[in-house]
Amino acid sequence: RSLLRFLEDGKSRRIGDDREQALRVTLVVSTNLPMDEVERDERVAFDLRSRLHRVTLPPLNQRRADVPAIFLHYVREAAQRSNLDEDAVVEGVRTGHLEALCQADFTQRNVRRLIQLAETMTARLMVERRPPREVLSGLLAERLPDNPVVRRVVTHHDLAEPDSERGTGAESHYET
């Protein structure tokens, strides 16, 4: 059976079987190209496009409020894979770190940039044996040198301080 027929009725047949069975699956199809362009170039067959339900997810630079939750998720995941204390690593992420990330430019790499940052942070934690807040502060200073929050860190060390830190009003909106 074709993919189109499966999308239509949800039934499939295993190779070698003579009977069909109904499957309950969620098929996720994505593209990093604008759908207008995909449709115009006919890269995806019209029949297939007409059977897919579209959900458009705006780029991360248009939904900055999602940055803290996404970053903390990947920090926790990376810490777990590295056999680090997840809670201790997450507790090292300060509101200033999250504010700096919310101000970052996500036009090119989107969520991958947050994933890479979380993975680099945990890798450095395993090697450097410094507190998570210091490792992340240093990493942000390297990766986001023009960020105003990061510049404040370099001069005042606000991101490396405990939660009683002096900061901007935006920082009070994020909980770590």
Protein backbone atom coordinates (compact mmCIF):
# COMPACT_ATOMS: atom_id res chain seq x y z
CA ARG A 1 0.00 0.00 0.00
CA SER A 2 1.15 3.48 -0.66
CA LEU A 3 1.82 6.17 1.90
CA LEU A 4 -1.04 8.17 0.44
CA ARG A 5 -3.53 5.37 1.02
CA PHE A 6 -2.22 4.85 4.55
CA LEU A 7 -2.71 8.54 5.30
CA GLU A 8 -6.24 8.26 3.93
CA ASP A 9 -7.50 5.23 5.90
CA GLY A 10 -4.79 4.39 8.47
CA LYS A 11 -4.46 0.77 7.33
CA SER A 12 -1.26 -1.01 6.46
CA ARG A 13 -0.09 -4.49 5.48
CA ARG A 14 3.22 -5.99 6.60
CA ILE A 15 5.40 -7.46 3.90
CA GLY A 16 4.31 -11.07 3.43
CA ASP A 17 0.98 -10.64 5.23
CA ASP A 18 -2.26 -11.11 3.37
CA ARG A 19 -4.39 -8.95 5.63
CA GLU A 20 -4.36 -5.29 6.55
CA GLN A 21 -4.34 -3.91 10.04
CA ALA A 22 -5.35 -0.50 11.32
CA LEU A 23 -2.53 1.50 12.87
CA ARG A 24 -2.77 4.51 15.13
CA VAL A 25 0.32 6.58 14.47
CA THR A 26 1.26 10.20 14.29
CA LEU A 27 3.30 11.03 11.25
CA VAL A 28 5.33 14.21 11.59
CA VAL A 29 6.70 15.73 8.42
CA SER A 30 8.74 18.89 8.55
CA THR A 31 10.70 21.19 6.34
CA ASN A 32 13.02 24.09 6.91
CA LEU A 33 11.75 25.72 3.72
CA PRO A 34 8.69 27.95 3.48
CA MET A 35 5.69 25.88 2.40
CA ASP A 36 4.93 28.39 -0.37
CA GLU A 37 8.30 27.56 -1.91
CA VAL A 38 7.80 23.80 -1.49
CA GLU A 39 4.40 24.01 -3.16
CA ARG A 40 5.60 26.28 -5.96
CA ASP A 41 8.54 23.99 -6.80
CA GLU A 42 6.32 20.90 -6.47
CA ARG A 43 8.96 19.21 -4.29
CA VAL A 44 6.20 17.38 -2.46
CA ALA A 45 3.42 15.74 -4.42
CA PHE A 46 0.09 17.55 -4.35
CA ASP A 47 -1.72 14.38 -3.17
CA LEU A 48 0.58 14.11 -0.16
CA ARG A 49 0.38 17.82 0.71
CA SER A 50 -3.41 17.71 0.59
CA ARG A 51 -3.51 14.87 3.15
CA LEU A 52 -1.19 16.53 5.66
CA HIS A 53 -2.44 18.88 8.36
CA ARG A 54 -0.26 21.93 8.53
CA VAL A 55 1.04 23.49 11.68
CA THR A 56 3.33 26.43 11.19
CA LEU A 57 5.79 26.99 13.99
CA PRO A 58 7.34 30.45 13.95
CA PRO A 59 11.12 30.67 14.30
CA LEU A 60 12.54 31.00 17.78
CA ASN A 61 13.40 34.67 17.31
CA GLN A 62 9.63 35.29 17.06
CA ARG A 63 8.81 33.36 20.24
CA ARG A 64 11.55 34.30 22.68
CA ALA A 65 9.37 33.46 25.67
CA ASP A 66 9.93 29.77 24.80
CA VAL A 67 13.74 30.04 25.06
CA PRO A 68 14.08 29.42 28.83
CA ALA A 69 11.91 26.29 28.85
CA ILE A 70 13.58 24.87 25.74
CA PHE A 71 17.09 25.55 27.05
CA LEU A 72 16.37 24.11 30.50
CA HIS A 73 14.88 20.99 28.91
CA TYR A 74 18.02 20.36 26.89
CA VAL A 75 20.31 21.20 29.83
CA ARG A 76 18.49 18.57 31.90
CA GLU A 77 18.64 16.06 29.06
CA ALA A 78 22.36 16.66 28.40
CA ALA A 79 23.18 16.44 32.12
CA GLN A 80 21.34 13.14 32.38
CA ARG A 81 23.20 11.67 29.38
CA SER A 82 26.49 12.84 30.95
CA ASN A 83 25.63 11.25 34.32
CA LEU A 84 25.67 14.65 36.02
CA ASP A 85 23.28 15.70 38.78
CA GLU A 86 20.49 17.20 36.65
CA ASP A 87 19.07 19.31 39.44
CA ALA A 88 22.46 20.77 40.37
CA VAL A 89 23.19 21.65 36.76
CA VAL A 90 19.77 23.27 36.25
CA GLU A 91 20.10 25.18 39.54
CA GLY A 92 23.29 26.70 38.13
CA VAL A 93 21.33 28.37 35.35
CA ARG A 94 20.53 31.87 36.55
CA THR A 95 17.83 34.26 35.41
CA GLY A 96 20.54 36.40 33.82
CA HIS A 97 21.66 33.43 31.72
CA LEU A 98 18.10 32.98 30.49
CA GLU A 99 17.71 36.70 29.81
CA ALA A 100 20.91 36.67 27.75
CA LEU A 101 19.63 33.69 25.75
CA CYS A 102 16.27 35.39 25.15
CA GLN A 103 18.12 38.33 23.60
CA ALA A 104 20.29 36.14 21.38
CA ASP A 105 19.91 36.08 17.61
CA PHE A 106 18.21 32.84 16.54
CA THR A 107 17.79 33.62 12.85
CA GLN A 108 20.16 30.90 11.63
CA ARG A 109 20.31 27.86 13.90
CA ASN A 110 17.15 28.22 15.96
CA VAL A 111 16.71 25.49 18.61
CA ARG A 112 19.89 23.70 17.52
CA ARG A 113 21.84 26.61 18.98
CA LEU A 114 20.27 25.99 22.40
CA ILE A 115 20.89 22.25 22.14
CA GLN A 116 24.53 22.80 21.24
CA LEU A 117 24.94 25.26 24.10
CA ALA A 118 23.43 22.81 26.62
CA GLU A 119 25.62 19.96 25.37
CA THR A 120 28.77 22.09 25.41
CA MET A 121 27.95 23.24 28.92
CA THR A 122 27.64 19.68 30.25
CA ALA A 123 30.78 18.57 28.41
CA ARG A 124 32.73 21.40 30.02
CA LEU A 125 31.26 20.58 33.42
CA MET A 126 32.70 17.09 33.13
CA VAL A 127 36.15 18.40 32.24
CA GLU A 128 36.51 21.67 34.13
CA ARG A 129 34.88 20.72 37.45
CA ARG A 130 33.65 24.28 38.03
CA PRO A 131 30.15 25.28 39.21
CA PRO A 132 27.55 25.22 36.43
CA ARG A 133 26.81 28.96 36.74
CA GLU A 134 30.49 29.78 36.08
CA VAL A 135 30.75 27.40 33.14
CA LEU A 136 27.59 28.77 31.53
CA SER A 137 28.64 32.38 32.17
CA GLY A 138 31.98 31.73 30.44
CA LEU A 139 30.30 29.93 27.58
CA LEU A 140 27.84 32.77 27.03
CA ALA A 141 30.71 35.28 27.12
CA GLU A 142 32.37 33.31 24.30
CA ARG A 143 29.26 32.72 22.21
CA LEU A 144 27.37 35.98 22.76
CA PRO A 145 30.06 38.65 23.27
CA ASP A 146 27.87 41.50 21.98
CA ASN A 147 24.89 40.62 24.16
CA PRO A 148 24.22 43.46 26.65
CA VAL A 149 23.40 41.05 29.49
CA VAL A 150 26.61 39.11 28.87
CA ARG A 151 28.58 42.37 28.81
CA ARG A 152 27.09 43.20 32.20
CA VAL A 153 28.26 39.80 33.43
CA VAL A 154 31.81 40.40 32.38
CA THR A 155 31.94 43.70 34.28
CA HIS A 156 29.72 42.94 37.29
CA HIS A 157 29.63 39.11 37.41
CA ASP A 158 25.86 39.27 37.85
CA LEU A 159 25.19 35.93 36.16
CA ALA A 160 27.61 34.13 38.42
CA GLU A 161 26.02 35.43 41.61
CA PRO A 162 23.25 33.64 43.53
CA ASP A 163 19.59 34.45 42.81
CA SER A 164 19.76 37.55 45.01
CA GLU A 165 21.63 39.10 42.09
CA ARG A 166 21.11 42.67 41.01
CA GLY A 167 19.70 42.65 37.49
CA THR A 168 17.17 44.02 35.10
CA GLY A 169 13.43 43.78 35.55
CA ALA A 170 13.20 41.20 32.77
CA GLU A 171 15.15 38.72 34.88
CA SER A 172 12.41 38.53 37.51
CA HIS A 173 10.09 36.87 34.99
CA TYR A 174 12.15 33.70 34.71
CA GLU A 175 12.32 31.07 37.39
CA THR A 176 15.20 28.62 37.52
